[in-house]
PDB file of N, CA and C in Angstrom:
ATOM      1  N   MET A   1      -3.506   5.014  20.289  1.00  0.00           N
ATOM      2  CA  MET A   1      -3.240   4.141  20.908  1.00  0.00           C
ATOM      3  C   MET A   1      -4.155   3.017  20.884  1.00  0.00           C
ATOM      4  N   PRO A   2      -3.685   1.881  20.582  1.00  0.00           N
ATOM      5  CA  PRO A   2      -4.531   0.539  20.753  1.00  0.00           C
ATOM      6  C   PRO A   2      -4.397  -0.031  22.153  1.00  0.00           C
ATOM      7  N   PRO A   3      -5.786  -0.370  22.532  1.00  0.00           N
ATOM      8  CA  PRO A   3      -5.853  -1.107  24.167  1.00  0.00           C
ATOM      9  C   PRO A   3      -5.234  -2.247  23.888  1.00  0.00           C
ATOM     10  N   LYS A   4      -3.880  -2.533  24.676  1.00  0.00           N
ATOM     11  CA  LYS A   4      -3.225  -3.859  24.805  1.00  0.00           C
ATOM     12  C   LYS A   4      -3.820  -4.861  25.917  1.00  0.00           C
ATOM     13  N   LYS A   5      -5.098  -4.599  26.479  1.00  0.00           N
ATOM     14  CA  LYS A   5      -5.439  -5.564  27.292  1.00  0.00           C
ATOM     15  C   LYS A   5      -6.930  -5.474  27.171  1.00  0.00           C
ATOM     16  N   LEU A   6      -7.385  -6.575  27.236  1.00  0.00           N
ATOM     17  CA  LEU A   6      -9.008  -7.032  27.800  1.00  0.00           C
ATOM     18  C   LEU A   6      -9.688  -5.557  28.444  1.00  0.00           C
ATOM     19  N   PRO A   7     -10.677  -4.653  28.010  1.00  0.00           N
ATOM     20  CA  PRO A   7     -10.828  -3.705  29.006  1.00  0.00           C
ATOM     21  C   PRO A   7     -11.834  -4.487  30.246  1.00  0.00           C
ATOM     22  N   LYS A   8     -11.740  -3.987  31.682  1.00  0.00           N
ATOM     23  CA  LYS A   8     -12.722  -4.785  32.247  1.00  0.00           C
ATOM     24  C   LYS A   8     -14.230  -4.055  31.922  1.00  0.00           C
ATOM     25  N   LYS A   9     -15.073  -5.398  32.103  1.00  0.00           N
ATOM     26  CA  LYS A   9     -16.580  -5.296  31.873  1.00  0.00           C
ATOM     27  C   LYS A   9     -17.344  -5.648  33.138  1.00  0.00           C
ATOM     28  N   LYS A  10     -18.456  -4.884  33.279  1.00  0.00           N
ATOM     29  CA  LYS A  10     -19.014  -4.972  34.482  1.00  0.00           C
ATOM     30  C   LYS A  10     -20.195  -6.514  33.750  1.00  0.00           C
ATOM     31  N   GLY A  11     -20.772  -7.324  34.719  1.00  0.00           N
ATOM     32  CA  GLY A  11     -21.736  -7.916  34.096  1.00  0.00           C
ATOM     33  C   GLY A  11     -20.837  -9.545  33.604  1.00  0.00           C
ATOM     34  N   LYS A  12     -21.274 -10.867  32.955  1.00  0.00           N
ATOM     35  CA  LYS A  12     -21.143 -11.366  32.183  1.00  0.00           C
ATOM     36  C   LYS A  12     -20.979 -11.049  30.749  1.00  0.00           C
ATOM     37  N   GLN A  13     -20.630  -9.891  30.602  1.00  0.00           N
ATOM     38  CA  GLN A  13     -20.659  -9.575  29.003  1.00  0.00           C
ATOM     39  C   GLN A  13     -18.732 -10.144  28.125  1.00  0.00           C
ATOM     40  N   SER A  14     -18.714 -10.598  27.577  1.00  0.00           N
ATOM     41  CA  SER A  14     -17.522 -11.119  26.961  1.00  0.00           C
ATOM     42  C   SER A  14     -17.267 -10.873  25.979  1.00  0.00           C
ATOM     43  N   TYR A  15     -16.060 -10.895  24.803  1.00  0.00           N
ATOM     44  CA  TYR A  15     -15.327 -10.583  23.562  1.00  0.00           C
ATOM     45  C   TYR A  15     -15.785 -11.807  22.595  1.00  0.00           C
ATOM     46  N   ILE A  16     -16.183 -11.814  21.118  1.00  0.00           N
ATOM     47  CA  ILE A  16     -16.213 -12.791  20.800  1.00  0.00           C
ATOM     48  C   ILE A  16     -15.848 -12.508  19.397  1.00  0.00           C
ATOM     49  N   CYS A  17     -14.685 -13.697  19.426  1.00  0.00           N
ATOM     50  CA  CYS A  17     -13.829 -13.291  18.036  1.00  0.00           C
ATOM     51  C   CYS A  17     -14.409 -13.518  16.831  1.00  0.00           C
ATOM     52  N   PRO A  18     -14.330 -12.818  16.066  1.00  0.00           N
ATOM     53  CA  PRO A  18     -15.217 -12.791  14.547  1.00  0.00           C
ATOM     54  C   PRO A  18     -14.742 -13.774  13.639  1.00  0.00           C
ATOM     55  N   ILE A  19     -13.383 -14.229  14.264  1.00  0.00           N
ATOM     56  CA  ILE A  19     -12.620 -15.266  13.069  1.00  0.00           C
ATOM     57  C   ILE A  19     -13.623 -16.919  12.904  1.00  0.00           C
ATOM     58  N   CYS A  20     -13.641 -17.366  14.934  1.00  0.00           N
ATOM     59  CA  CYS A  20     -13.455 -18.598  14.645  1.00  0.00           C
ATOM     60  C   CYS A  20     -14.830 -18.602  15.615  1.00  0.00           C
ATOM     61  N   ASP A  21     -15.361 -17.032  16.224  1.00  0.00           N
ATOM     62  CA  ASP A  21     -16.541 -16.986  17.333  1.00  0.00           C
ATOM     63  C   ASP A  21     -16.829 -18.002  18.527  1.00  0.00           C
ATOM     64  N   ASP A  22     -15.284 -18.093  18.883  1.00  0.00           N
ATOM     65  CA  ASP A  22     -15.337 -18.172  19.991  1.00  0.00           C
ATOM     66  C   ASP A  22     -15.152 -17.110  21.266  1.00  0.00           C
ATOM     67  N   GLN A  23     -15.660 -17.188  22.366  1.00  0.00           N
ATOM     68  CA  GLN A  23     -15.171 -16.153  23.626  1.00  0.00           C
ATOM     69  C   GLN A  23     -13.387 -15.917  23.792  1.00  0.00           C
ATOM     70  N   ILE A  24     -13.385 -14.723  24.192  1.00  0.00           N
ATOM     71  CA  ILE A  24     -11.952 -14.130  24.156  1.00  0.00           C
ATOM     72  C   ILE A  24     -12.405 -13.330  25.699  1.00  0.00           C
ATOM     73  N   ASP A  25     -11.344 -14.132  26.642  1.00  0.00           N
ATOM     74  CA  ASP A  25     -11.035 -13.490  27.790  1.00  0.00           C
ATOM     75  C   ASP A  25      -9.777 -12.961  28.448  1.00  0.00           C
ATOM     76  N   ASP A  26      -9.630 -12.753  29.420  1.00  0.00           N
ATOM     77  CA  ASP A  26      -7.821 -12.238  29.911  1.00  0.00           C
ATOM     78  C   ASP A  26      -6.749 -13.556  29.774  1.00  0.00           C
ATOM     79  N   SER A  27      -7.010 -14.661  29.934  1.00  0.00           N
ATOM     80  CA  SER A  27      -6.797 -16.247  29.363  1.00  0.00           C
ATOM     81  C   SER A  27      -6.231 -16.199  28.139  1.00  0.00           C
ATOM     82  N   THR A  28      -6.691 -15.772  27.415  1.00  0.00           N
ATOM     83  CA  THR A  28      -6.295 -15.993  26.144  1.00  0.00           C
ATOM     84  C   THR A  28      -5.407 -14.643  25.172  1.00  0.00           C
ATOM     85  N   GLN A  29      -4.326 -15.289  24.414  1.00  0.00           N
ATOM     86  CA  GLN A  29      -3.919 -13.881  23.665  1.00  0.00           C
ATOM     87  C   GLN A  29      -4.291 -13.890  22.418  1.00  0.00           C
ATOM     88  N   SER A  30      -5.128 -12.072  22.721  1.00  0.00           N
ATOM     89  CA  SER A  30      -5.688 -11.474  21.403  1.00  0.00           C
ATOM     90  C   SER A  30      -5.228 -10.215  21.365  1.00  0.00           C
ATOM     91  N   ILE A  31      -5.627  -9.818  20.437  1.00  0.00           N
ATOM     92  CA  ILE A  31      -4.883  -8.776  19.951  1.00  0.00           C
ATOM     93  C   ILE A  31      -6.191  -7.724  18.901  1.00  0.00           C
ATOM     94  N   TRP A  32      -6.280  -6.424  19.155  1.00  0.00           N
ATOM     95  CA  TRP A  32      -7.124  -5.211  18.765  1.00  0.00           C
ATOM     96  C   TRP A  32      -6.774  -5.435  17.449  1.00  0.00           C
ATOM     97  N   CYS A  33      -7.764  -5.068  16.533  1.00  0.00           N
ATOM     98  CA  CYS A  33      -7.350  -4.772  15.411  1.00  0.00           C
ATOM     99  C   CYS A  33      -8.068  -3.052  15.343  1.00  0.00           C
ATOM    100  N   ASP A  34      -6.551  -2.492  14.908  1.00  0.00           N
ATOM    101  CA  ASP A  34      -7.223  -1.152  14.739  1.00  0.00           C
ATOM    102  C   ASP A  34      -7.694  -0.469  13.516  1.00  0.00           C
ATOM    103  N   GLY A  35      -8.181  -0.959  12.155  1.00  0.00           N
ATOM    104  CA  GLY A  35      -8.981  -0.932  11.253  1.00  0.00           C
ATOM    105  C   GLY A  35     -10.860  -0.476  11.669  1.00  0.00           C
ATOM    106  N   GLU A  36     -11.353  -0.844   9.875  1.00  0.00           N
ATOM    107  CA  GLU A  36     -13.161  -0.546  10.323  1.00  0.00           C
ATOM    108  C   GLU A  36     -13.521  -1.437  11.151  1.00  0.00           C
ATOM    109  N   SER A  37     -12.645  -2.905  11.437  1.00  0.00           N
ATOM    110  CA  SER A  37     -13.665  -3.924  12.186  1.00  0.00           C
ATOM    111  C   SER A  37     -13.339  -3.291  14.057  1.00  0.00           C
ATOM    112  N   ALA A  38     -12.604  -2.857  14.360  1.00  0.00           N
ATOM    113  CA  ALA A  38     -12.306  -2.373  15.819  1.00  0.00           C
ATOM    114  C   ALA A  38     -12.887  -3.248  16.811  1.00  0.00           C
ATOM    115  N   THR A  39     -12.134  -4.751  16.922  1.00  0.00           N
ATOM    116  CA  THR A  39     -12.670  -5.366  17.695  1.00  0.00           C
ATOM    117  C   THR A  39     -11.259  -6.585  18.115  1.00  0.00           C
ATOM    118  N   TRP A  40     -11.975  -7.660  19.380  1.00  0.00           N
ATOM    119  CA  TRP A  40     -10.631  -8.176  19.375  1.00  0.00           C
ATOM    120  C   TRP A  40     -10.639  -9.673  18.661  1.00  0.00           C
ATOM    121  N   LEU A  41      -9.220 -10.277  18.600  1.00  0.00           N
ATOM    122  CA  LEU A  41      -9.184 -11.276  17.501  1.00  0.00           C
ATOM    123  C   LEU A  41      -8.338 -12.336  18.396  1.00  0.00           C
ATOM    124  N   HIS A  42      -8.236 -13.689  18.449  1.00  0.00           N
ATOM    125  CA  HIS A  42      -7.494 -14.560  19.216  1.00  0.00           C
ATOM    126  C   HIS A  42      -6.049 -14.310  18.353  1.00  0.00           C
ATOM    127  N   ARG A  43      -5.020 -14.556  19.103  1.00  0.00           N
ATOM    128  CA  ARG A  43      -3.629 -13.796  18.429  1.00  0.00           C
ATOM    129  C   ARG A  43      -3.755 -14.837  17.067  1.00  0.00           C
ATOM    130  N   GLY A  44      -4.053 -16.485  17.342  1.00  0.00           N
ATOM    131  CA  GLY A  44      -3.712 -17.457  16.636  1.00  0.00           C
ATOM    132  C   GLY A  44      -5.042 -17.225  14.806  1.00  0.00           C
ATOM    133  N   CYS A  45      -6.253 -16.873  15.566  1.00  0.00           N
ATOM    134  CA  CYS A  45      -6.636 -16.291  14.386  1.00  0.00           C
ATOM    135  C   CYS A  45      -6.561 -14.964  13.024  1.00  0.00           C
ATOM    136  N   ALA A  46      -6.104 -13.927  14.392  1.00  0.00           N
ATOM    137  CA  ALA A  46      -5.246 -13.247  13.257  1.00  0.00           C
ATOM    138  C   ALA A  46      -3.807 -13.800  12.392  1.00  0.00           C
ATOM    139  N   GLY A  47      -4.035 -14.755  12.551  1.00  0.00           N
ATOM    140  CA  GLY A  47      -2.721 -15.280  11.909  1.00  0.00           C
ATOM    141  C   GLY A  47      -0.781 -14.930  12.575  1.00  0.00           C
ATOM    142  N   LEU A  48      -1.027 -14.290  13.614  1.00  0.00           N
ATOM    143  CA  LEU A  48       0.145 -13.668  14.419  1.00  0.00           C
ATOM    144  C   LEU A  48       1.016 -15.004  15.178  1.00  0.00           C
ATOM    145  N   SER A  49       2.138 -15.140  14.667  1.00  0.00           N
ATOM    146  CA  SER A  49       3.114 -16.376  15.787  1.00  0.00           C
ATOM    147  C   SER A  49       2.957 -15.679  17.416  1.00  0.00           C
ATOM    148  N   LYS A  50       3.761 -16.422  17.590  1.00  0.00           N
ATOM    149  CA  LYS A  50       3.848 -16.221  19.062  1.00  0.00           C
ATOM    150  C   LYS A  50       4.632 -14.431  19.141  1.00  0.00           C
ATOM    151  N   ALA A  51       5.570 -14.692  18.493  1.00  0.00           N
ATOM    152  CA  ALA A  51       6.758 -13.896  18.458  1.00  0.00           C
ATOM    153  C   ALA A  51       6.304 -12.750  17.850  1.00  0.00           C
ATOM    154  N   ALA A  52       5.629 -12.763  16.644  1.00  0.00           N
ATOM    155  CA  ALA A  52       4.701 -11.695  16.320  1.00  0.00           C
ATOM    156  C   ALA A  52       4.184 -11.134  16.821  1.00  0.00           C
ATOM    157  N   TYR A  53       3.287 -11.940  17.580  1.00  0.00           N
ATOM    158  CA  TYR A  53       2.563 -11.139  19.008  1.00  0.00           C
ATOM    159  C   TYR A  53       2.779 -10.513  20.006  1.00  0.00           C
ATOM    160  N   SER A  54       4.217 -10.389  20.383  1.00  0.00           N
ATOM    161  CA  SER A  54       5.103 -10.398  21.714  1.00  0.00           C
ATOM    162  C   SER A  54       5.384  -8.818  21.533  1.00  0.00           C
ATOM    163  N   LYS A  55       6.138  -8.792  19.862  1.00  0.00           N
ATOM    164  CA  LYS A  55       6.593  -7.502  19.102  1.00  0.00           C
ATOM    165  C   LYS A  55       4.932  -6.714  19.322  1.00  0.00           C
ATOM    166  N   LEU A  56       3.941  -6.734  18.734  1.00  0.00           N
ATOM    167  CA  LEU A  56       3.681  -5.843  18.358  1.00  0.00           C
ATOM    168  C   LEU A  56       2.812  -5.473  19.722  1.00  0.00           C
ATOM    169  N   ASN A  57       3.231  -5.952  20.951  1.00  0.00           N
ATOM    170  CA  ASN A  57       1.945  -6.113  21.962  1.00  0.00           C
ATOM    171  C   ASN A  57       2.960  -5.044  23.078  1.00  0.00           C
ATOM    172  N   CYS A  58       4.268  -4.830  22.776  1.00  0.00           N
ATOM    173  CA  CYS A  58       5.220  -3.790  23.093  1.00  0.00           C
ATOM    174  C   CYS A  58       5.715  -2.578  22.279  1.00  0.00           C
ATOM    175  N   THR A  59       5.099  -2.720  21.059  1.00  0.00           N
ATOM    176  CA  THR A  59       4.859  -1.352  20.230  1.00  0.00           C
ATOM    177  C   THR A  59       3.699  -0.773  19.781  1.00  0.00           C
ATOM    178  N   ASP A  60       3.692   0.521  19.780  1.00  0.00           N
ATOM    179  CA  ASP A  60       2.622   1.191  19.488  1.00  0.00           C
ATOM    180  C   ASP A  60       2.052   1.343  17.762  1.00  0.00           C
ATOM    181  N   THR A  61       2.310   0.028  17.561  1.00  0.00           N
ATOM    182  CA  THR A  61       2.114  -0.189  15.946  1.00  0.00           C
ATOM    183  C   THR A  61       1.082  -0.869  15.229  1.00  0.00           C
ATOM    184  N   PRO A  62       0.019  -0.041  14.906  1.00  0.00           N
ATOM    185  CA  PRO A  62      -1.266  -0.844  14.378  1.00  0.00           C
ATOM    186  C   PRO A  62      -1.570  -1.550  13.649  1.00  0.00           C
ATOM    187  N   PHE A  63      -2.384  -2.943  14.148  1.00  0.00           N
ATOM    188  CA  PHE A  63      -2.428  -3.859  14.003  1.00  0.00           C
ATOM    189  C   PHE A  63      -3.765  -3.957  13.070  1.00  0.00           C
ATOM    190  N   TYR A  64      -3.894  -4.583  12.459  1.00  0.00           N
ATOM    191  CA  TYR A  64      -5.034  -4.910  11.439  1.00  0.00           C
ATOM    192  C   TYR A  64      -5.556  -6.445  10.634  1.00  0.00           C
ATOM    193  N   CYS A  65      -6.899  -6.738  11.199  1.00  0.00           N
ATOM    194  CA  CYS A  65      -7.042  -8.231  11.169  1.00  0.00           C
ATOM    195  C   CYS A  65      -6.631  -8.611   9.528  1.00  0.00           C
ATOM    196  N   PRO A  66      -7.567  -9.434   9.424  1.00  0.00           N
ATOM    197  CA  PRO A  66      -6.653  -9.984   7.920  1.00  0.00           C
ATOM    198  C   PRO A  66      -7.896  -8.999   6.279  1.00  0.00           C
ATOM    199  N   HIS A  67      -9.005  -8.776   7.247  1.00  0.00           N
ATOM    200  CA  HIS A  67      -9.837  -8.495   6.271  1.00  0.00           C
ATOM    201  C   HIS A  67      -9.825  -6.862   6.376  1.00  0.00           C
ATOM    202  N   CYS A  68      -9.406  -6.372   7.230  1.00  0.00           N
ATOM    203  CA  CYS A  68      -8.900  -4.998   7.260  1.00  0.00           C
ATOM    204  C   CYS A  68      -7.691  -4.332   6.864  1.00  0.00           C
ATOM    205  N   SER A  69      -6.983  -5.454   6.696  1.00  0.00           N
ATOM    206  CA  SER A  69      -5.698  -5.497   5.957  1.00  0.00           C
ATOM    207  C   SER A  69      -6.183  -5.238   4.226  1.00  0.00           C
ATOM    208  N   LEU A  70      -7.302  -6.187   4.067  1.00  0.00           N
ATOM    209  CA  LEU A  70      -7.517  -6.493   2.330  1.00  0.00           C
ATOM    210  C   LEU A  70      -8.505  -4.967   2.170  1.00  0.00           C
ATOM    211  N   VAL A  71      -9.307  -4.610   3.204  1.00  0.00           N
ATOM    212  CA  VAL A  71      -9.748  -3.215   2.385  1.00  0.00           C
ATOM    213  C   VAL A  71      -8.658  -2.217   2.345  1.00  0.00           C
ATOM    214  N   LYS A  72      -7.523  -2.125   3.833  1.00  0.00           N
ATOM    215  CA  LYS A  72      -6.862  -0.867   3.338  1.00  0.00           C
ATOM    216  C   LYS A  72      -6.072  -1.451   2.419  1.00  0.00           C
ATOM    217  N   GLN A  73      -5.674  -2.297   1.637  1.00  0.00           N
ATOM    218  CA  GLN A  73      -4.747  -2.531   0.211  1.00  0.00           C
ATOM    219  C   GLN A  73      -5.767  -2.386  -0.588  1.00  0.00           C
ATOM    220  N   GLU A  74      -6.975  -2.357  -0.731  1.00  0.00           N
ATOM    221  CA  GLU A  74      -7.758  -1.931  -2.276  1.00  0.00           C
ATOM    222  C   GLU A  74      -8.163  -0.303  -1.893  1.00  0.00           C
ATOM    223  N   LYS A  75      -7.815  -0.141  -0.838  1.00  0.00           N
ATOM    224  CA  LYS A  75      -7.941   1.548  -1.228  1.00  0.00           C
ATOM    225  C   LYS A  75      -6.621   1.792  -1.571  1.00  0.00           C
ATOM    226  N   GLU A  76      -5.470   1.518  -1.446  1.00  0.00           N
ATOM    227  CA  GLU A  76      -4.509   1.805  -1.731  1.00  0.00           C
ATOM    228  C   GLU A  76      -4.204   1.987  -2.803  1.00  0.00           C
ATOM    229  N   ILE A  77      -4.690   0.109  -3.455  1.00  0.00           N
ATOM    230  CA  ILE A  77      -4.719   0.155  -5.312  1.00  0.00           C
ATOM    231  C   ILE A  77      -5.100   1.123  -5.699  1.00  0.00           C
ATOM    232  N   GLU A  78      -6.936   1.538  -5.244  1.00  0.00           N
ATOM    233  CA  GLU A  78      -7.428   2.450  -6.296  1.00  0.00           C
ATOM    234  C   GLU A  78      -7.080   3.933  -5.881  1.00  0.00           C
ATOM    235  N   LEU A  79      -5.944   4.398  -5.203  1.00  0.00           N
ATOM    236  CA  LEU A  79      -5.028   5.559  -5.217  1.00  0.00           C
ATOM    237  C   LEU A  79      -4.403   5.549  -6.549  1.00  0.00           C
ATOM    238  N   LEU A  80      -3.243   3.940  -6.136  1.00  0.00           N
ATOM    239  CA  LEU A  80      -2.415   4.125  -7.131  1.00  0.00           C
ATOM    240  C   LEU A  80      -3.163   4.099  -8.460  1.00  0.00           C
ATOM    241  N   LYS A  81      -3.969   3.604  -8.821  1.00  0.00           N
ATOM    242  CA  LYS A  81      -4.341   3.327 -10.314  1.00  0.00           C
ATOM    243  C   LYS A  81      -4.941   4.911 -10.974  1.00  0.00           C
ATOM    244  N   ALA A  82      -5.080   5.660  -9.633  1.00  0.00           N
ATOM    245  CA  ALA A  82      -5.706   6.808  -9.908  1.00  0.00           C
ATOM    246  C   ALA A  82      -4.616   7.704 -10.345  1.00  0.00           C
ATOM    247  N   SER A  83      -3.626   7.511  -9.383  1.00  0.00           N
ATOM    248  CA  SER A  83      -2.205   7.986  -9.762  1.00  0.00           C
ATOM    249  C   SER A  83      -1.640   7.924 -11.197  1.00  0.00           C
ATOM    250  N   LEU A  84      -1.499   6.841 -11.237  1.00  0.00           N
ATOM    251  CA  LEU A  84      -1.060   6.188 -12.521  1.00  0.00           C
ATOM    252  C   LEU A  84      -2.230   6.898 -13.914  1.00  0.00           C
ATOM    253  N   SER A  85      -3.488   6.843 -13.731  1.00  0.00           N
ATOM    254  CA  SER A  85      -4.167   7.472 -14.721  1.00  0.00           C
ATOM    255  C   SER A  85      -3.819   8.511 -15.000  1.00  0.00           C
ATOM    256  N   HIS A  86      -3.589   9.564 -14.080  1.00  0.00           N
ATOM    257  CA  HIS A  86      -3.045  11.092 -13.833  1.00  0.00           C
ATOM    258  C   HIS A  86      -2.055  10.916 -14.606  1.00  0.00           C
ATOM    259  N   LEU A  87      -1.122  10.303 -14.377  1.00  0.00           N
ATOM    260  CA  LEU A  87       0.482  10.182 -15.280  1.00  0.00           C
ATOM    261  C   LEU A  87       0.329  10.156 -16.446  1.00  0.00           C
ATOM    262  N   ALA A  88      -0.194   8.680 -16.441  1.00  0.00           N
ATOM    263  CA  ALA A  88      -0.516   8.671 -18.156  1.00  0.00           C
ATOM    264  C   ALA A  88      -0.727   9.972 -19.094  1.00  0.00           C
ATOM    265  N   LYS A  89      -2.018  10.482 -18.685  1.00  0.00           N
ATOM    266  CA  LYS A  89      -2.651  11.823 -19.028  1.00  0.00           C
ATOM    267  C   LYS A  89      -1.692  12.114 -19.172  1.00  0.00           C
ATOM    268  N   LYS A  90      -0.889  12.971 -18.309  1.00  0.00           N
ATOM    269  CA  LYS A  90       0.217  14.147 -18.612  1.00  0.00           C
ATOM    270  C   LYS A  90       1.344  13.693 -19.656  1.00  0.00           C
ATOM    271  N   ILE A  91       1.590  11.883 -20.090  1.00  0.00           N
ATOM    272  CA  ILE A  91       2.773  11.791 -20.272  1.00  0.00           C
ATOM    273  C   ILE A  91       1.340  11.832 -21.807  1.00  0.00           C
ATOM    274  N   ASP A  92       0.502  11.330 -22.132  1.00  0.00           N
ATOM    275  CA  ASP A  92      -0.394  11.508 -24.018  1.00  0.00           C
ATOM    276  C   ASP A  92      -0.167  13.049 -23.863  1.00  0.00           C
ATOM    277  N   ASP A  93      -0.384  14.084 -23.237  1.00  0.00           N
ATOM    278  CA  ASP A  93      -0.217  15.444 -23.291  1.00  0.00           C
ATOM    279  C   ASP A  93       0.943  15.796 -23.826  1.00  0.00           C
ATOM    280  N   LEU A  94       1.812  16.014 -23.179  1.00  0.00           N
ATOM    281  CA  LEU A  94       2.851  16.010 -23.291  1.00  0.00           C
ATOM    282  C   LEU A  94       3.495  15.276 -25.027  1.00  0.00           C
ATOM    283  N   LEU A  95       3.497  14.172 -25.123  1.00  0.00           N
ATOM    284  CA  LEU A  95       3.323  13.724 -26.420  1.00  0.00           C
ATOM    285  C   LEU A  95       2.957  14.155 -27.365  1.00  0.00           C
ATOM    286  N   ASN A  96       1.738  14.519 -27.250  1.00  0.00           N
ATOM    287  CA  ASN A  96       0.733  15.244 -28.237  1.00  0.00           C
ATOM    288  C   ASN A  96       0.796  16.686 -28.690  1.00  0.00           C
ATOM    289  N   GLN A  97       1.764  17.354 -27.586  1.00  0.00           N
ATOM    290  CA  GLN A  97       2.579  18.942 -27.987  1.00  0.00           C
ATOM    291  C   GLN A  97       2.900  19.051 -29.051  1.00  0.00           C
ATOM    292  N   GLY A  98       3.898  17.922 -29.705  1.00  0.00           N
ATOM    293  CA  GLY A  98       5.068  18.265 -29.880  1.00  0.00           C
ATOM    294  C   GLY A  98       6.304  19.189 -29.770  1.00  0.00           C
ATOM    295  N   PRO A  99       7.035  19.241 -30.290  1.00  0.00           N
ATOM    296  CA  PRO A  99       8.266  19.586 -30.091  1.00  0.00           C
ATOM    297  C   PRO A  99       8.278  21.226 -29.350  1.00  0.00           C
ATOM    298  N   LYS A 100       8.742  21.851 -28.398  1.00  0.00           N
ATOM    299  CA  LYS A 100       8.796  22.856 -27.824  1.00  0.00           C
ATOM    300  C   LYS A 100      10.313  23.442 -28.803  1.00  0.00           C
ATOM    301  N   THR A 101      10.246  24.716 -28.595  1.00  0.00           N
ATOM    302  CA  THR A 101      11.899  25.996 -29.343  1.00  0.00           C
ATOM    303  C   THR A 101      11.683  26.685 -28.827  1.00  0.00           C
ATOM    304  N   SER A 102      13.017  26.979 -28.350  1.00  0.00           N
ATOM    305  CA  SER A 102      13.413  28.144 -27.569  1.00  0.00           C
ATOM    306  C   SER A 102      12.754  29.482 -28.028  1.00  0.00           C
ATOM    307  N   ASN A 103      13.331  29.720 -29.342  1.00  0.00           N
ATOM    308  CA  ASN A 103      12.854  30.770 -30.365  1.00  0.00           C
ATOM    309  C   ASN A 103      11.331  30.603 -30.672  1.00  0.00           C
ATOM    310  N   PRO A 104      10.614  30.780 -30.368  1.00  0.00           N
ATOM    311  CA  PRO A 104       9.029  31.034 -30.480  1.00  0.00           C
ATOM    312  C   PRO A 104       9.304  31.655 -32.410  1.00  0.00           C
ATOM    313  N   GLY A 105       8.074  30.899 -33.213  1.00  0.00           N
ATOM    314  CA  GLY A 105       8.364  31.592 -34.713  1.00  0.00           C
ATOM    315  C   GLY A 105       9.368  30.403 -35.396  1.00  0.00           C
ATOM    316  N   VAL A 106      10.402  30.015 -34.896  1.00  0.00           N
ATOM    317  CA  VAL A 106      11.604  28.957 -35.725  1.00  0.00           C
ATOM    318  C   VAL A 106      11.108  27.697 -35.322  1.00  0.00           C
ATOM    319  N   THR A 107      10.749  27.042 -36.687  1.00  0.00           N
ATOM    320  CA  THR A 107      10.928  25.701 -36.710  1.00  0.00           C
ATOM    321  C   THR A 107      11.794  24.769 -36.593  1.00  0.00           C
ATOM    322  N   PRO A 108      11.445  23.506 -35.530  1.00  0.00           N
ATOM    323  CA  PRO A 108      12.752  22.731 -35.315  1.00  0.00           C
ATOM    324  C   PRO A 108      13.031  22.246 -36.249  1.00  0.00           C
ATOM    325  N   VAL A 109      14.262  22.155 -36.384  1.00  0.00           N
ATOM    326  CA  VAL A 109      14.892  21.080 -37.345  1.00  0.00           C
ATOM    327  C   VAL A 109      14.817  19.564 -36.751  1.00  0.00           C
ATOM    328  N   PRO A 110      14.482  18.557 -37.889  1.00  0.00           N
ATOM    329  CA  PRO A 110      13.907  17.578 -37.090  1.00  0.00           C
ATOM    330  C   PRO A 110      15.148  16.585 -37.231  1.00  0.00           C
ATOM    331  N   SER A 111      15.459  15.791 -35.970  1.00  0.00           N
ATOM    332  CA  SER A 111      16.586  14.883 -35.081  1.00  0.00           C
ATOM    333  C   SER A 111      16.402  13.672 -36.271  1.00  0.00           C
ATOM    334  N   ARG A 112      17.996  13.713 -36.534  1.00  0.00           N
ATOM    335  CA  ARG A 112      18.610  12.289 -37.453  1.00  0.00           C
ATOM    336  C   ARG A 112      19.185  11.390 -36.715  1.00  0.00           C
ATOM    337  N   SER A 113      19.131   9.834 -37.084  1.00  0.00           N
ATOM    338  CA  SER A 113      20.197   9.112 -36.382  1.00  0.00           C
ATOM    339  C   SER A 113      21.053   9.341 -36.757  1.00  0.00           C
ATOM    340  N   PRO A 114      22.591   9.226 -36.326  1.00  0.00           N
ATOM    341  CA  PRO A 114      23.922   9.852 -36.725  1.00  0.00           C
ATOM    342  C   PRO A 114      23.863   8.311 -38.030  1.00  0.00           C
ATOM    343  N   ARG A 115      24.504   9.126 -39.334  1.00  0.00           N
ATOM    344  CA  ARG A 115      24.864   8.011 -40.250  1.00  0.00           C
ATOM    345  C   ARG A 115      26.130   7.374 -39.700  1.00  0.00           C
ATOM    346  N   ILE A 116      25.995   6.005 -40.211  1.00  0.00           N
ATOM    347  CA  ILE A 116      27.497   5.090 -39.860  1.00  0.00           C
ATOM    348  C   ILE A 116      28.077   4.971 -41.206  1.00  0.00           C
ATOM    349  N   VAL A 117      29.606   5.473 -41.589  1.00  0.00           N
ATOM    350  CA  VAL A 117      30.083   4.951 -42.438  1.00  0.00           C
ATOM    351  C   VAL A 117      30.918   3.874 -42.209  1.00  0.00           C
ATOM    352  N   LYS A 118      31.022   2.834 -43.121  1.00  0.00           N
ATOM    353  CA  LYS A 118      31.577   1.607 -42.890  1.00  0.00           C
ATOM    354  C   LYS A 118      32.692   1.501 -42.738  1.00  0.00           C
ATOM    355  N   ASN A 119      33.306   2.517 -44.075  1.00  0.00           N
ATOM    356  CA  ASN A 119      34.904   2.994 -44.249  1.00  0.00           C
ATOM    357  C   ASN A 119      35.152   3.703 -44.091  1.00  0.00           C
ATOM    358  N   PRO A 120      35.249   4.584 -42.961  1.00  0.00           N
ATOM    359  CA  PRO A 120      35.163   6.264 -43.099  1.00  0.00           C
ATOM    360  C   PRO A 120      36.625   6.460 -43.844  1.00  0.00           C
ATOM    361  N   ILE A 121      37.597   6.306 -43.796  1.00  0.00           N
ATOM    362  CA  ILE A 121      38.979   6.470 -44.397  1.00  0.00           C
ATOM    363  C   ILE A 121      39.442   5.462 -45.604  1.00  0.00           C
ATOM    364  N   SER A 122      39.048   6.121 -47.060  1.00  0.00           N
ATOM    365  CA  SER A 122      39.476   5.149 -48.339  1.00  0.00           C
ATOM    366  C   SER A 122      40.960   5.143 -48.367  1.00  0.00           C
ATOM    367  N   SER A 123      41.239   3.447 -48.831  1.00  0.00           N
ATOM    368  CA  SER A 123      42.483   3.695 -49.137  1.00  0.00           C
ATOM    369  C   SER A 123      42.482   3.800 -50.512  1.00  0.00           C
ATOM    370  N   THR A 124      42.321   4.625 -51.136  1.00  0.00           N
ATOM    371  CA  THR A 124      42.825   5.017 -52.488  1.00  0.00           C
ATOM    372  C   THR A 124      43.710   5.837 -52.718  1.00  0.00           C
TER     373      THR A 124
END
C-alpha cells in the first residue's frame, strides 16, 4: 500500500518534486508514485485535480506519475504486439494447412457459391 503522508525524517532532509524541483513538505498536497520512480510529487505537478487527489488519497489504488504511466503503457503495448504477432502466425499456419476432412484419404469437394437463377420458373 502506498504511503498516504510524508514520512517524518530526522534532520532537515526534505523531498524534492521531480517535475518542478521544488520542495515537498507536509503543508503541500503531494502523492506517492507507485511506479519505478517511487517518489513524491506535488498534486498539481502530477496532473491531478483536487477532486482526483482526494479520491486517490482515500483508496488503495496505485498512482503512477506521468513518466511511469508512459513506461507502463509502453510495456503493455509491447506485450500486445507480441500477442498479436503470435495470433497472426497461428492464422497464417491455419490458412496454409488447407482444408481438413473428417474422413482421412477422402479429398474434400471444393465449395462453390450458390448459382442464382434469374427466372427459376419459365412461363412457356
